Amino acid sequence: MSFWDERYQGETYLFGEAPNAFLARQAHRLAPGQSALAVADGEGRNGVWLAQQGLSVLSADGSAVAQVKAARLAQARGVSLELQHVDLASWDWPKAKFDIVAAIFIQFAGPDLRSQMFDGMKRALKPGGLVLLEGYRPEQIAYGTGGPRTPENLYTEEMLRTAFADFEIVDLAAYDAVIEEGAGHSGPSALIDLVARKPG
């Protein structure tokens, strides 16, 4: 985690303070009083936004530096955020606890850890709950505007359909767009979005 602690140093927010655009477009799927897990939530921009929608949010991340900034952002926005400092490689994911699991650009995970994390996300959802996931496609490497440089960490439609074959695929979209998320993600980007529902 020292790599991420170092990246999150400083007063500015590496990926900005606004929520991820894909996540914000899912507002119509959310309801006040729901519970949400923000996976690898970093400095809290997405967890804080979910809390602003009236959800009870657990923001989980491995960087203590990032979580200090997440707490600061929540306070500035006047919302409550439960922070949990976890190692996602060994975390005992809660069982059937959340209505929403948001996983935005969690592509630090290679195939083995990714499979483990996807299983944990599925476990954490209540029946009928939604996973909201955005990541980069392999074409992102040519753009060089954020994300990992290792192709195996990137997502394809086929990979996500296979990984979530036991869920209802509500929406799966691959497209290119310009995103502006702080210094970390900025410019033309090869994106893929998934909304999937756990069987009820």
N, C-alpha and C. Protein backbone atom coordinates (compact mmCIF):
# COMPACT_ATOMS: atom_id res chain seq x y z
N MET A 1 0.81 -1.21 0.00
CA MET A 1 0.00 0.00 0.00
C MET A 1 0.85 1.27 0.00
N SER A 2 2.16 1.14 0.18
CA SER A 2 3.02 2.32 0.22
C SER A 2 2.95 3.08 -1.11
N PHE A 3 2.78 2.35 -2.22
CA PHE A 3 2.64 2.99 -3.53
C PHE A 3 1.44 3.93 -3.54
N TRP A 4 0.29 3.45 -3.04
CA TRP A 4 -0.92 4.27 -3.04
C TRP A 4 -0.84 5.37 -1.99
N ASP A 5 -0.28 5.08 -0.84
CA ASP A 5 -0.11 6.12 0.17
C ASP A 5 0.68 7.29 -0.41
N GLU A 6 1.71 6.97 -1.17
CA GLU A 6 2.53 8.02 -1.78
C GLU A 6 1.75 8.79 -2.83
N ARG A 7 0.97 8.08 -3.66
CA ARG A 7 0.20 8.75 -4.70
C ARG A 7 -0.86 9.69 -4.12
N TYR A 8 -1.38 9.33 -2.96
CA TYR A 8 -2.46 10.12 -2.35
C TYR A 8 -1.95 11.24 -1.45
N GLN A 9 -0.64 11.40 -1.33
CA GLN A 9 -0.09 12.48 -0.52
C GLN A 9 -0.50 13.84 -1.09
N GLY A 10 -0.56 14.82 -0.23
CA GLY A 10 -0.84 16.18 -0.70
C GLY A 10 -2.28 16.58 -0.48
N GLU A 11 -2.56 17.85 -0.70
CA GLU A 11 -3.88 18.40 -0.44
C GLU A 11 -4.86 18.13 -1.58
N THR A 12 -4.37 18.07 -2.81
CA THR A 12 -5.27 17.86 -3.94
C THR A 12 -5.71 16.40 -4.00
N TYR A 13 -6.86 16.17 -4.63
CA TYR A 13 -7.43 14.83 -4.75
C TYR A 13 -7.01 14.24 -6.10
N LEU A 14 -6.31 13.13 -6.05
CA LEU A 14 -5.69 12.53 -7.24
C LEU A 14 -6.70 12.32 -8.36
N PHE A 15 -7.90 11.84 -8.01
CA PHE A 15 -8.93 11.58 -9.03
C PHE A 15 -10.08 12.58 -8.92
N GLY A 16 -9.80 13.73 -8.31
CA GLY A 16 -10.81 14.76 -8.18
C GLY A 16 -11.74 14.52 -7.01
N GLU A 17 -12.64 15.45 -6.81
CA GLU A 17 -13.61 15.37 -5.71
C GLU A 17 -15.01 15.04 -6.20
N ALA A 18 -15.23 15.11 -7.51
CA ALA A 18 -16.55 14.81 -8.07
C ALA A 18 -16.68 13.30 -8.27
N PRO A 19 -17.91 12.78 -8.26
CA PRO A 19 -18.08 11.34 -8.47
C PRO A 19 -17.74 10.94 -9.90
N ASN A 20 -17.43 9.70 -10.07
CA ASN A 20 -17.26 9.13 -11.40
C ASN A 20 -18.53 9.34 -12.22
N ALA A 21 -18.38 9.72 -13.49
CA ALA A 21 -19.54 10.07 -14.32
C ALA A 21 -20.49 8.88 -14.51
N PHE A 22 -19.95 7.69 -14.73
CA PHE A 22 -20.80 6.51 -14.87
C PHE A 22 -21.62 6.30 -13.60
N LEU A 23 -20.97 6.38 -12.45
CA LEU A 23 -21.69 6.17 -11.19
C LEU A 23 -22.80 7.21 -11.03
N ALA A 24 -22.50 8.46 -11.34
CA ALA A 24 -23.50 9.52 -11.21
C ALA A 24 -24.70 9.26 -12.12
N ARG A 25 -24.46 8.64 -13.28
CA ARG A 25 -25.57 8.33 -14.19
C ARG A 25 -26.48 7.22 -13.65
N GLN A 26 -26.05 6.55 -12.60
CA GLN A 26 -26.86 5.47 -12.02
C GLN A 26 -27.75 5.96 -10.88
N ALA A 27 -27.84 7.27 -10.71
CA ALA A 27 -28.62 7.82 -9.58
C ALA A 27 -30.05 7.29 -9.57
N HIS A 28 -30.63 7.07 -10.74
CA HIS A 28 -32.02 6.60 -10.81
C HIS A 28 -32.19 5.18 -10.27
N ARG A 29 -31.10 4.45 -10.11
CA ARG A 29 -31.16 3.09 -9.57
C ARG A 29 -31.04 3.07 -8.04
N LEU A 30 -30.78 4.20 -7.44
CA LEU A 30 -30.52 4.28 -6.01
C LEU A 30 -31.73 4.81 -5.26
N ALA A 31 -31.82 4.45 -3.98
CA ALA A 31 -32.92 4.95 -3.14
C ALA A 31 -32.38 5.27 -1.76
N PRO A 32 -32.82 6.38 -1.18
CA PRO A 32 -32.41 6.70 0.19
C PRO A 32 -32.72 5.54 1.13
N GLY A 33 -31.78 5.31 2.05
CA GLY A 33 -31.95 4.22 3.00
C GLY A 33 -31.28 2.93 2.58
N GLN A 34 -30.88 2.83 1.31
CA GLN A 34 -30.14 1.66 0.88
C GLN A 34 -28.74 1.66 1.49
N SER A 35 -28.11 0.50 1.47
CA SER A 35 -26.73 0.37 1.95
C SER A 35 -25.82 0.15 0.75
N ALA A 36 -24.63 0.72 0.80
CA ALA A 36 -23.70 0.61 -0.32
C ALA A 36 -22.29 0.34 0.17
N LEU A 37 -21.56 -0.42 -0.60
CA LEU A 37 -20.13 -0.66 -0.39
C LEU A 37 -19.38 -0.01 -1.55
N ALA A 38 -18.48 0.90 -1.24
CA ALA A 38 -17.60 1.49 -2.26
C ALA A 38 -16.25 0.79 -2.15
N VAL A 39 -15.93 -0.02 -3.15
CA VAL A 39 -14.74 -0.87 -3.13
C VAL A 39 -13.52 -0.07 -3.59
N ALA A 40 -12.42 -0.16 -2.84
CA ALA A 40 -11.21 0.58 -3.18
C ALA A 40 -11.56 2.04 -3.46
N ASP A 41 -12.22 2.65 -2.49
CA ASP A 41 -12.83 3.97 -2.67
C ASP A 41 -11.82 5.11 -2.58
N GLY A 42 -10.58 4.82 -2.27
CA GLY A 42 -9.54 5.85 -2.29
C GLY A 42 -9.89 7.05 -1.43
N GLU A 43 -9.84 8.22 -2.04
CA GLU A 43 -10.07 9.47 -1.32
C GLU A 43 -11.55 9.79 -1.13
N GLY A 44 -12.42 8.87 -1.52
CA GLY A 44 -13.81 8.96 -1.11
C GLY A 44 -14.79 9.64 -2.04
N ARG A 45 -14.35 10.05 -3.23
CA ARG A 45 -15.26 10.83 -4.07
C ARG A 45 -16.55 10.07 -4.39
N ASN A 46 -16.44 8.76 -4.61
CA ASN A 46 -17.64 7.99 -4.97
C ASN A 46 -18.46 7.61 -3.74
N GLY A 47 -17.79 7.22 -2.68
CA GLY A 47 -18.51 6.91 -1.45
C GLY A 47 -19.25 8.12 -0.90
N VAL A 48 -18.61 9.27 -0.95
CA VAL A 48 -19.25 10.50 -0.47
C VAL A 48 -20.47 10.83 -1.32
N TRP A 49 -20.35 10.68 -2.63
CA TRP A 49 -21.50 10.95 -3.51
C TRP A 49 -22.66 10.00 -3.20
N LEU A 50 -22.35 8.73 -2.98
CA LEU A 50 -23.41 7.77 -2.62
C LEU A 50 -24.09 8.19 -1.32
N ALA A 51 -23.29 8.64 -0.36
CA ALA A 51 -23.87 9.12 0.91
C ALA A 51 -24.74 10.35 0.68
N GLN A 52 -24.35 11.20 -0.27
CA GLN A 52 -25.16 12.37 -0.59
C GLN A 52 -26.51 11.99 -1.19
N GLN A 53 -26.60 10.79 -1.75
CA GLN A 53 -27.87 10.31 -2.31
C GLN A 53 -28.75 9.67 -1.23
N GLY A 54 -28.28 9.68 0.01
CA GLY A 54 -29.06 9.16 1.11
C GLY A 54 -28.78 7.72 1.46
N LEU A 55 -27.69 7.16 0.92
CA LEU A 55 -27.33 5.78 1.21
C LEU A 55 -26.42 5.71 2.43
N SER A 56 -26.46 4.58 3.09
CA SER A 56 -25.53 4.28 4.18
C SER A 56 -24.32 3.59 3.56
N VAL A 57 -23.15 4.21 3.65
CA VAL A 57 -22.01 3.81 2.83
C VAL A 57 -20.83 3.32 3.68
N LEU A 58 -20.31 2.17 3.28
CA LEU A 58 -19.02 1.69 3.78
C LEU A 58 -17.99 1.93 2.69
N SER A 59 -17.00 2.76 2.98
CA SER A 59 -15.92 3.07 2.05
C SER A 59 -14.70 2.26 2.47
N ALA A 60 -14.34 1.28 1.66
CA ALA A 60 -13.24 0.37 1.99
C ALA A 60 -12.04 0.65 1.10
N ASP A 61 -10.86 0.76 1.71
CA ASP A 61 -9.65 1.02 0.94
C ASP A 61 -8.43 0.57 1.73
N GLY A 62 -7.34 0.37 1.03
CA GLY A 62 -6.11 -0.08 1.66
C GLY A 62 -5.16 1.04 2.04
N SER A 63 -5.47 2.28 1.64
CA SER A 63 -4.58 3.40 1.92
C SER A 63 -5.12 4.25 3.07
N ALA A 64 -4.39 4.28 4.17
CA ALA A 64 -4.78 5.11 5.30
C ALA A 64 -4.70 6.59 4.94
N VAL A 65 -3.75 6.95 4.10
CA VAL A 65 -3.61 8.34 3.65
C VAL A 65 -4.87 8.78 2.90
N ALA A 66 -5.35 7.92 2.00
CA ALA A 66 -6.55 8.23 1.23
C ALA A 66 -7.76 8.36 2.13
N GLN A 67 -7.85 7.52 3.15
CA GLN A 67 -9.04 7.53 3.99
C GLN A 67 -9.12 8.78 4.87
N VAL A 68 -7.98 9.34 5.25
CA VAL A 68 -7.99 10.63 5.95
C VAL A 68 -8.63 11.69 5.05
N LYS A 69 -8.28 11.66 3.77
CA LYS A 69 -8.84 12.63 2.83
C LYS A 69 -10.32 12.35 2.55
N ALA A 70 -10.70 11.06 2.55
CA ALA A 70 -12.11 10.70 2.37
C ALA A 70 -12.94 11.24 3.52
N ALA A 71 -12.44 11.12 4.74
CA ALA A 71 -13.15 11.65 5.91
C ALA A 71 -13.30 13.16 5.81
N ARG A 72 -12.25 13.82 5.33
CA ARG A 72 -12.28 15.27 5.17
C ARG A 72 -13.33 15.68 4.13
N LEU A 73 -13.39 14.92 3.03
CA LEU A 73 -14.35 15.24 1.97
C LEU A 73 -15.78 15.02 2.46
N ALA A 74 -16.00 13.94 3.20
CA ALA A 74 -17.34 13.67 3.73
C ALA A 74 -17.78 14.80 4.66
N GLN A 75 -16.86 15.24 5.51
CA GLN A 75 -17.18 16.33 6.43
C GLN A 75 -17.52 17.61 5.67
N ALA A 76 -16.74 17.88 4.63
CA ALA A 76 -16.97 19.09 3.83
C ALA A 76 -18.33 19.04 3.13
N ARG A 77 -18.77 17.83 2.78
CA ARG A 77 -20.05 17.68 2.07
C ARG A 77 -21.21 17.45 3.03
N GLY A 78 -20.91 17.37 4.32
CA GLY A 78 -21.96 17.24 5.32
C GLY A 78 -22.63 15.88 5.35
N VAL A 79 -21.87 14.82 5.04
CA VAL A 79 -22.43 13.47 5.06
C VAL A 79 -21.58 12.57 5.94
N SER A 80 -22.18 11.45 6.32
CA SER A 80 -21.50 10.46 7.14
C SER A 80 -20.99 9.32 6.25
N LEU A 81 -19.77 8.87 6.51
CA LEU A 81 -19.16 7.82 5.72
C LEU A 81 -18.46 6.87 6.69
N GLU A 82 -18.79 5.59 6.63
CA GLU A 82 -18.07 4.62 7.44
C GLU A 82 -16.83 4.19 6.67
N LEU A 83 -15.68 4.37 7.28
CA LEU A 83 -14.41 4.05 6.63
C LEU A 83 -13.84 2.77 7.21
N GLN A 84 -13.38 1.88 6.34
CA GLN A 84 -12.74 0.66 6.80
C GLN A 84 -11.44 0.46 6.03
N HIS A 85 -10.33 0.39 6.80
CA HIS A 85 -9.01 0.20 6.21
C HIS A 85 -8.80 -1.30 6.04
N VAL A 86 -8.75 -1.77 4.79
CA VAL A 86 -8.72 -3.21 4.52
C VAL A 86 -7.67 -3.54 3.48
N ASP A 87 -7.18 -4.77 3.55
CA ASP A 87 -6.39 -5.36 2.47
C ASP A 87 -7.35 -6.21 1.66
N LEU A 88 -7.70 -5.75 0.47
CA LEU A 88 -8.72 -6.43 -0.32
C LEU A 88 -8.30 -7.83 -0.75
N ALA A 89 -7.01 -8.14 -0.64
CA ALA A 89 -6.53 -9.48 -0.98
C ALA A 89 -6.85 -10.49 0.12
N SER A 90 -7.09 -10.00 1.33
CA SER A 90 -7.35 -10.92 2.43
C SER A 90 -8.59 -10.56 3.24
N TRP A 91 -9.35 -9.57 2.81
CA TRP A 91 -10.52 -9.10 3.53
C TRP A 91 -11.59 -10.17 3.59
N ASP A 92 -12.21 -10.32 4.74
CA ASP A 92 -13.37 -11.19 4.89
C ASP A 92 -14.61 -10.38 4.50
N TRP A 93 -14.98 -10.46 3.23
CA TRP A 93 -16.08 -9.64 2.71
C TRP A 93 -17.37 -9.94 3.47
N PRO A 94 -18.13 -8.92 3.84
CA PRO A 94 -19.41 -9.16 4.50
C PRO A 94 -20.33 -9.99 3.61
N LYS A 95 -21.27 -10.67 4.23
CA LYS A 95 -22.19 -11.53 3.47
C LYS A 95 -23.57 -10.90 3.39
N ALA A 96 -24.06 -10.73 2.15
CA ALA A 96 -25.43 -10.27 1.89
C ALA A 96 -25.80 -9.03 2.71
N LYS A 97 -24.92 -8.05 2.69
CA LYS A 97 -25.10 -6.86 3.54
C LYS A 97 -25.53 -5.62 2.77
N PHE A 98 -25.22 -5.54 1.48
CA PHE A 98 -25.37 -4.29 0.74
C PHE A 98 -26.37 -4.40 -0.41
N ASP A 99 -27.08 -3.28 -0.64
CA ASP A 99 -27.96 -3.17 -1.80
C ASP A 99 -27.17 -2.81 -3.05
N ILE A 100 -26.07 -2.10 -2.86
CA ILE A 100 -25.25 -1.60 -3.96
C ILE A 100 -23.78 -1.88 -3.66
N VAL A 101 -23.06 -2.40 -4.65
CA VAL A 101 -21.61 -2.46 -4.57
C VAL A 101 -21.06 -1.67 -5.76
N ALA A 102 -20.33 -0.60 -5.46
CA ALA A 102 -19.74 0.25 -6.49
C ALA A 102 -18.25 -0.04 -6.57
N ALA A 103 -17.80 -0.39 -7.76
CA ALA A 103 -16.38 -0.71 -7.98
C ALA A 103 -15.91 0.06 -9.21
N ILE A 104 -15.26 1.17 -8.97
CA ILE A 104 -14.89 2.11 -10.04
C ILE A 104 -13.37 2.10 -10.21
N PHE A 105 -12.92 1.64 -11.38
CA PHE A 105 -11.49 1.60 -11.70
C PHE A 105 -10.68 0.87 -10.62
N ILE A 106 -11.03 -0.38 -10.38
CA ILE A 106 -10.31 -1.19 -9.38
C ILE A 106 -9.28 -2.08 -10.08
N GLN A 107 -8.67 -1.54 -11.14
CA GLN A 107 -7.85 -2.38 -12.02
C GLN A 107 -6.37 -2.48 -11.62
N PHE A 108 -6.12 -2.17 -10.34
CA PHE A 108 -4.83 -2.55 -9.75
C PHE A 108 -4.77 -4.07 -9.61
N ALA A 109 -5.92 -4.73 -9.70
CA ALA A 109 -6.03 -6.17 -9.47
C ALA A 109 -5.76 -6.97 -10.74
N GLY A 110 -4.77 -7.87 -10.66
CA GLY A 110 -4.55 -8.82 -11.74
C GLY A 110 -5.62 -9.90 -11.74
N PRO A 111 -5.57 -10.84 -12.70
CA PRO A 111 -6.64 -11.81 -12.86
C PRO A 111 -7.00 -12.60 -11.59
N ASP A 112 -6.02 -13.05 -10.83
CA ASP A 112 -6.33 -13.85 -9.65
C ASP A 112 -7.02 -13.02 -8.57
N LEU A 113 -6.45 -11.85 -8.26
CA LEU A 113 -7.06 -10.98 -7.27
C LEU A 113 -8.41 -10.47 -7.77
N ARG A 114 -8.50 -10.16 -9.04
CA ARG A 114 -9.77 -9.70 -9.62
C ARG A 114 -10.87 -10.74 -9.41
N SER A 115 -10.57 -12.00 -9.70
CA SER A 115 -11.56 -13.06 -9.51
C SER A 115 -11.98 -13.15 -8.05
N GLN A 116 -11.01 -13.04 -7.17
CA GLN A 116 -11.28 -13.08 -5.73
C GLN A 116 -12.15 -11.89 -5.31
N MET A 117 -11.85 -10.71 -5.84
CA MET A 117 -12.62 -9.52 -5.50
C MET A 117 -14.03 -9.59 -6.07
N PHE A 118 -14.17 -10.07 -7.31
CA PHE A 118 -15.51 -10.21 -7.88
C PHE A 118 -16.35 -11.16 -7.04
N ASP A 119 -15.74 -12.26 -6.59
CA ASP A 119 -16.47 -13.20 -5.72
C ASP A 119 -16.88 -12.52 -4.42
N GLY A 120 -15.98 -11.69 -3.87
CA GLY A 120 -16.30 -10.97 -2.65
C GLY A 120 -17.41 -9.96 -2.85
N MET A 121 -17.41 -9.27 -3.98
CA MET A 121 -18.46 -8.31 -4.29
C MET A 121 -19.82 -9.02 -4.39
N LYS A 122 -19.82 -10.17 -5.04
CA LYS A 122 -21.07 -10.94 -5.17
C LYS A 122 -21.57 -11.38 -3.80
N ARG A 123 -20.65 -11.84 -2.99
CA ARG A 123 -20.99 -12.28 -1.63
C ARG A 123 -21.59 -11.14 -0.82
N ALA A 124 -21.04 -9.94 -0.99
CA ALA A 124 -21.44 -8.79 -0.17
C ALA A 124 -22.83 -8.27 -0.50
N LEU A 125 -23.31 -8.56 -1.71
CA LEU A 125 -24.61 -8.05 -2.13
C LEU A 125 -25.76 -8.86 -1.53
N LYS A 126 -26.82 -8.15 -1.19
CA LYS A 126 -28.07 -8.81 -0.86
C LYS A 126 -28.70 -9.38 -2.14
N PRO A 127 -29.56 -10.38 -2.05
CA PRO A 127 -30.31 -10.82 -3.23
C PRO A 127 -31.06 -9.64 -3.84
N GLY A 128 -30.96 -9.49 -5.15
CA GLY A 128 -31.58 -8.37 -5.84
C GLY A 128 -30.71 -7.12 -5.88
N GLY A 129 -29.56 -7.16 -5.20
CA GLY A 129 -28.66 -6.01 -5.17
C GLY A 129 -27.92 -5.82 -6.49
N LEU A 130 -27.36 -4.63 -6.65
CA LEU A 130 -26.69 -4.26 -7.91
C LEU A 130 -25.20 -4.06 -7.72
N VAL A 131 -24.43 -4.56 -8.67
CA VAL A 131 -23.03 -4.17 -8.78
C VAL A 131 -22.93 -3.12 -9.87
N LEU A 132 -22.26 -2.02 -9.56
CA LEU A 132 -22.01 -0.92 -10.50
C LEU A 132 -20.51 -0.84 -10.71
N LEU A 133 -20.06 -1.20 -11.89
CA LEU A 133 -18.62 -1.35 -12.13
C LEU A 133 -18.22 -0.60 -13.39
N GLU A 134 -17.14 0.17 -13.30
CA GLU A 134 -16.56 0.78 -14.49
C GLU A 134 -15.07 0.50 -14.51
N GLY A 135 -14.56 0.24 -15.70
CA GLY A 135 -13.13 0.03 -15.86
C GLY A 135 -12.68 0.42 -17.25
N TYR A 136 -11.41 0.20 -17.48
CA TYR A 136 -10.81 0.46 -18.79
C TYR A 136 -10.75 -0.82 -19.61
N ARG A 137 -10.87 -0.68 -20.92
CA ARG A 137 -10.67 -1.76 -21.88
C ARG A 137 -9.21 -1.79 -22.32
N PRO A 138 -8.74 -2.86 -22.97
CA PRO A 138 -7.34 -2.94 -23.40
C PRO A 138 -6.90 -1.78 -24.28
N GLU A 139 -7.83 -1.19 -25.02
CA GLU A 139 -7.49 -0.06 -25.90
C GLU A 139 -7.00 1.15 -25.11
N GLN A 140 -7.23 1.15 -23.82
CA GLN A 140 -6.80 2.28 -22.97
C GLN A 140 -5.29 2.45 -22.96
N ILE A 141 -4.57 1.37 -23.13
CA ILE A 141 -3.10 1.44 -23.07
C ILE A 141 -2.58 2.41 -24.13
N ALA A 142 -3.19 2.40 -25.31
CA ALA A 142 -2.76 3.31 -26.38
C ALA A 142 -3.07 4.77 -26.03
N TYR A 143 -4.15 4.99 -25.31
CA TYR A 143 -4.50 6.36 -24.90
C TYR A 143 -3.52 6.88 -23.86
N GLY A 144 -3.15 6.05 -22.90
CA GLY A 144 -2.20 6.46 -21.87
C GLY A 144 -2.69 7.58 -20.97
N THR A 145 -4.01 7.64 -20.74
CA THR A 145 -4.59 8.73 -19.96
C THR A 145 -5.04 8.27 -18.58
N GLY A 146 -4.50 7.15 -18.11
CA GLY A 146 -4.86 6.62 -16.80
C GLY A 146 -4.97 5.12 -16.85
N GLY A 147 -4.99 4.52 -15.68
CA GLY A 147 -5.16 3.07 -15.60
C GLY A 147 -3.86 2.30 -15.71
N PRO A 148 -3.96 0.98 -15.57
CA PRO A 148 -2.77 0.14 -15.57
C PRO A 148 -2.17 -0.01 -16.97
N ARG A 149 -0.90 -0.35 -17.00
CA ARG A 149 -0.22 -0.59 -18.27
C ARG A 149 -0.17 -2.08 -18.60
N THR A 150 -0.80 -2.89 -17.78
CA THR A 150 -0.78 -4.35 -17.97
C THR A 150 -2.10 -4.80 -18.57
N PRO A 151 -2.08 -5.36 -19.78
CA PRO A 151 -3.32 -5.72 -20.47
C PRO A 151 -4.20 -6.68 -19.68
N GLU A 152 -3.59 -7.58 -18.92
CA GLU A 152 -4.40 -8.58 -18.21
C GLU A 152 -5.25 -7.97 -17.10
N ASN A 153 -4.96 -6.73 -16.70
CA ASN A 153 -5.76 -6.07 -15.66
C ASN A 153 -6.98 -5.35 -16.23
N LEU A 154 -7.08 -5.30 -17.56
CA LEU A 154 -8.14 -4.53 -18.21
C LEU A 154 -9.32 -5.44 -18.53
N TYR A 155 -10.47 -4.83 -18.81
CA TYR A 155 -11.72 -5.58 -18.96
C TYR A 155 -12.17 -5.62 -20.43
N THR A 156 -12.76 -6.73 -20.81
CA THR A 156 -13.46 -6.85 -22.08
C THR A 156 -14.90 -7.25 -21.79
N GLU A 157 -15.77 -7.06 -22.78
CA GLU A 157 -17.16 -7.46 -22.62
C GLU A 157 -17.26 -8.96 -22.33
N GLU A 158 -16.52 -9.75 -23.08
CA GLU A 158 -16.58 -11.20 -22.90
C GLU A 158 -16.15 -11.58 -21.48
N MET A 159 -15.08 -10.95 -21.00
CA MET A 159 -14.58 -11.28 -19.66
C MET A 159 -15.63 -10.96 -18.59
N LEU A 160 -16.27 -9.79 -18.71
CA LEU A 160 -17.26 -9.41 -17.70
C LEU A 160 -18.52 -10.27 -17.81
N ARG A 161 -18.93 -10.60 -19.03
CA ARG A 161 -20.10 -11.49 -19.17
C ARG A 161 -19.83 -12.85 -18.53
N THR A 162 -18.61 -13.33 -18.69
CA THR A 162 -18.25 -14.61 -18.09
C THR A 162 -18.17 -14.50 -16.57
N ALA A 163 -17.54 -13.43 -16.09
CA ALA A 163 -17.35 -13.26 -14.65
C ALA A 163 -18.67 -13.11 -13.92
N PHE A 164 -19.66 -12.50 -14.58
CA PHE A 164 -20.95 -12.26 -13.95
C PHE A 164 -22.06 -13.07 -14.64
N ALA A 165 -21.71 -14.23 -15.10
CA ALA A 165 -22.68 -15.10 -15.77
C ALA A 165 -23.80 -15.54 -14.83
N ASP A 166 -23.52 -15.54 -13.53
CA ASP A 166 -24.52 -15.94 -12.54
C ASP A 166 -25.38 -14.77 -12.09
N PHE A 167 -25.18 -13.59 -12.66
CA PHE A 167 -25.98 -12.40 -12.37
C PHE A 167 -26.81 -12.04 -13.60
N GLU A 168 -27.84 -11.23 -13.40
CA GLU A 168 -28.57 -10.65 -14.53
C GLU A 168 -27.78 -9.43 -15.03
N ILE A 169 -27.40 -9.45 -16.28
CA ILE A 169 -26.70 -8.30 -16.86
C ILE A 169 -27.75 -7.25 -17.23
N VAL A 170 -27.84 -6.20 -16.43
CA VAL A 170 -28.81 -5.14 -16.68
C VAL A 170 -28.31 -4.21 -17.78
N ASP A 171 -27.03 -3.93 -17.77
CA ASP A 171 -26.44 -3.05 -18.78
C ASP A 171 -24.95 -3.35 -18.88
N LEU A 172 -24.45 -3.45 -20.10
CA LEU A 172 -23.02 -3.63 -20.35
C LEU A 172 -22.68 -2.83 -21.59
N ALA A 173 -21.84 -1.83 -21.44
CA ALA A 173 -21.56 -0.91 -22.54
C ALA A 173 -20.06 -0.64 -22.63
N ALA A 174 -19.53 -0.79 -23.84
CA ALA A 174 -18.13 -0.45 -24.13
C ALA A 174 -18.12 0.75 -25.06
N TYR A 175 -17.34 1.77 -24.72
CA TYR A 175 -17.36 3.00 -25.50
C TYR A 175 -16.12 3.82 -25.17
N ASP A 176 -15.85 4.82 -25.98
CA ASP A 176 -14.77 5.76 -25.72
C ASP A 176 -15.38 7.11 -25.32
N ALA A 177 -14.75 7.77 -24.36
CA ALA A 177 -15.22 9.08 -23.91
C ALA A 177 -14.06 9.84 -23.31
N VAL A 178 -14.19 11.15 -23.28
CA VAL A 178 -13.22 12.00 -22.59
C VAL A 178 -13.66 12.13 -21.14
N ILE A 179 -12.78 11.80 -20.21
CA ILE A 179 -13.10 11.96 -18.80
C ILE A 179 -12.08 12.90 -18.16
N GLU A 180 -12.54 13.59 -17.14
CA GLU A 180 -11.68 14.51 -16.39
C GLU A 180 -11.87 14.20 -14.91
N GLU A 181 -11.03 13.36 -14.37
CA GLU A 181 -11.11 12.95 -12.97
C GLU A 181 -9.76 13.23 -12.31
N GLY A 182 -9.53 14.50 -12.03
CA GLY A 182 -8.27 14.90 -11.43
C GLY A 182 -7.09 14.58 -12.34
N ALA A 183 -5.90 14.54 -11.75
CA ALA A 183 -4.70 14.25 -12.54
C ALA A 183 -4.59 12.76 -12.88
N GLY A 184 -5.32 11.92 -12.12
CA GLY A 184 -5.19 10.48 -12.29
C GLY A 184 -5.83 9.93 -13.54
N HIS A 185 -6.99 10.47 -13.91
CA HIS A 185 -7.71 10.04 -15.10
C HIS A 185 -8.09 11.29 -15.87
N SER A 186 -7.46 11.53 -16.99
CA SER A 186 -7.73 12.76 -17.72
C SER A 186 -7.48 12.58 -19.21
N GLY A 187 -8.55 12.74 -20.01
CA GLY A 187 -8.40 12.67 -21.46
C GLY A 187 -9.23 11.56 -22.07
N PRO A 188 -9.04 11.33 -23.39
CA PRO A 188 -9.78 10.27 -24.08
C PRO A 188 -9.52 8.92 -23.42
N SER A 189 -10.59 8.14 -23.24
CA SER A 189 -10.48 6.90 -22.46
C SER A 189 -11.33 5.80 -23.09
N ALA A 190 -10.82 4.59 -23.03
CA ALA A 190 -11.54 3.40 -23.51
C ALA A 190 -12.22 2.74 -22.32
N LEU A 191 -13.52 2.92 -22.19
CA LEU A 191 -14.25 2.56 -20.99
C LEU A 191 -15.17 1.36 -21.21
N ILE A 192 -15.53 0.72 -20.12
CA ILE A 192 -16.55 -0.32 -20.14
C ILE A 192 -17.31 -0.25 -18.83
N ASP A 193 -18.63 -0.28 -18.91
CA ASP A 193 -19.51 -0.14 -17.75
C ASP A 193 -20.36 -1.39 -17.60
N LEU A 194 -20.58 -1.80 -16.37
CA LEU A 194 -21.41 -2.95 -16.08
C LEU A 194 -22.38 -2.62 -14.95
N VAL A 195 -23.64 -2.93 -15.19
CA VAL A 195 -24.65 -2.95 -14.12
C VAL A 195 -25.20 -4.37 -14.10
N ALA A 196 -25.06 -5.05 -12.98
CA ALA A 196 -25.50 -6.44 -12.89
C ALA A 196 -26.24 -6.67 -11.58
N ARG A 197 -27.29 -7.48 -11.64
CA ARG A 197 -28.15 -7.71 -10.47
C ARG A 197 -27.97 -9.13 -9.94
N LYS A 198 -27.80 -9.23 -8.63
CA LYS A 198 -27.72 -10.53 -8.00
C LYS A 198 -29.09 -11.18 -8.01
N PRO A 199 -29.15 -12.45 -8.38
CA PRO A 199 -30.47 -13.12 -8.39
C PRO A 199 -31.16 -13.03 -7.05
N GLY A 200 -32.48 -12.80 -7.08
CA GLY A 200 -33.25 -12.63 -5.86
C GLY A 200 -33.85 -13.93 -5.39
